[in-house]
Amino acid sequence: MFVLLCGEVRQGELNFMGPLTESSIKALRFDTAVIGCCGLSAERGLTAHDLPEVAGKQAAIASARRVMDVSRTAASPA
């Protein structure tokens, strides 16, 4: 099943962000949240370079039983 969120669509990356996206995600519960990130740190965890994206990702992580990072950064050697 796919769920279409509302909010602002970021051109180029085609992801949703903003307060409407955050509200939509908070109203849902997920078995697994599949998250892409800009960086991965043992000390800081997942990182992002775009602040408006962060709230949506935090909401998805909080609404999920488990989280998978599928970014290229995680697959790259340190």
Protein backbone atom coordinates (compact mmCIF):
# COMPACT_ATOMS: atom_id res chain seq x y z
CA MET A 1 0.00 0.00 0.00
CA PHE A 2 1.21 3.49 -0.79
CA VAL A 3 0.20 6.61 1.13
CA LEU A 4 0.53 9.99 -0.54
CA LEU A 5 1.48 12.76 1.86
CA CYS A 6 0.64 16.39 1.48
CA GLY A 7 3.05 19.28 1.75
CA GLU A 8 5.58 21.13 -0.34
CA VAL A 9 7.38 19.09 -3.01
CA ARG A 10 11.08 19.80 -3.23
CA GLN A 11 12.10 20.07 -6.89
CA GLY A 12 14.99 17.92 -8.01
CA GLU A 13 14.65 15.44 -5.16
CA LEU A 14 10.85 15.06 -5.40
CA ASN A 15 10.38 14.61 -1.67
CA PHE A 16 7.73 16.18 0.54
CA MET A 17 8.59 18.60 3.33
CA GLY A 18 7.05 21.27 5.51
CA PRO A 19 4.42 21.45 8.24
CA LEU A 20 1.69 19.65 6.24
CA THR A 21 4.04 16.75 5.58
CA GLU A 22 5.02 16.58 9.25
CA SER A 23 1.35 16.58 10.34
CA SER A 24 0.48 13.85 7.84
CA ILE A 25 3.31 11.61 9.02
CA LYS A 26 2.52 12.13 12.71
CA ALA A 27 -1.02 10.85 12.07
CA LEU A 28 0.31 7.52 10.74
CA ARG A 29 2.11 4.50 12.23
CA PHE A 30 4.66 2.50 10.24
CA ASP A 31 6.21 -0.91 10.63
CA THR A 32 9.30 0.37 8.83
CA ALA A 33 10.37 3.90 7.92
CA VAL A 34 12.80 3.96 5.00
CA ILE A 35 14.85 7.13 5.40
CA GLY A 36 17.54 8.65 3.21
CA CYS A 37 20.03 10.92 4.91
CA CYS A 38 22.89 13.20 3.96
CA GLY A 39 25.33 11.78 6.48
CA LEU A 40 25.71 9.15 9.13
CA SER A 41 27.73 9.63 12.31
CA ALA A 42 28.32 7.28 15.24
CA GLU A 43 28.09 10.28 17.59
CA ARG A 44 25.22 12.20 15.95
CA GLY A 45 23.25 9.54 14.05
CA LEU A 46 21.52 10.55 10.82
CA THR A 47 22.25 14.06 9.55
CA ALA A 48 20.63 16.30 6.94
CA HIS A 49 21.69 19.46 5.15
CA ASP A 50 18.21 20.90 4.70
CA LEU A 51 16.42 21.96 7.90
CA PRO A 52 12.84 21.83 6.49
CA GLU A 53 13.39 18.13 5.68
CA VAL A 54 14.47 17.27 9.21
CA ALA A 55 11.06 17.62 10.89
CA GLY A 56 9.44 15.19 8.43
CA LYS A 57 12.20 12.63 8.89
CA GLN A 58 12.03 12.96 12.68
CA ALA A 59 8.25 12.45 12.54
CA ALA A 60 8.68 9.32 10.39
CA ILE A 61 11.32 7.91 12.74
CA ALA A 62 9.09 8.58 15.77
CA SER A 63 6.09 6.91 14.05
CA ALA A 64 7.96 3.74 13.03
CA ARG A 65 8.76 0.52 14.86
CA ARG A 66 12.04 0.28 12.97
CA VAL A 67 14.07 2.53 10.69
CA MET A 68 16.14 1.68 7.61
CA ASP A 69 18.66 4.11 6.14
CA VAL A 70 18.97 3.70 2.39
CA SER A 71 21.18 6.66 1.55
CA ARG A 72 24.30 6.38 -0.54
CA THR A 73 26.27 7.73 2.43
CA ALA A 74 25.49 4.66 4.53
CA ALA A 75 26.69 2.35 1.77
CA SER A 76 29.96 4.25 1.24
CA PRO A 77 33.12 3.22 3.09
CA ALA A 78 34.16 5.59 5.90
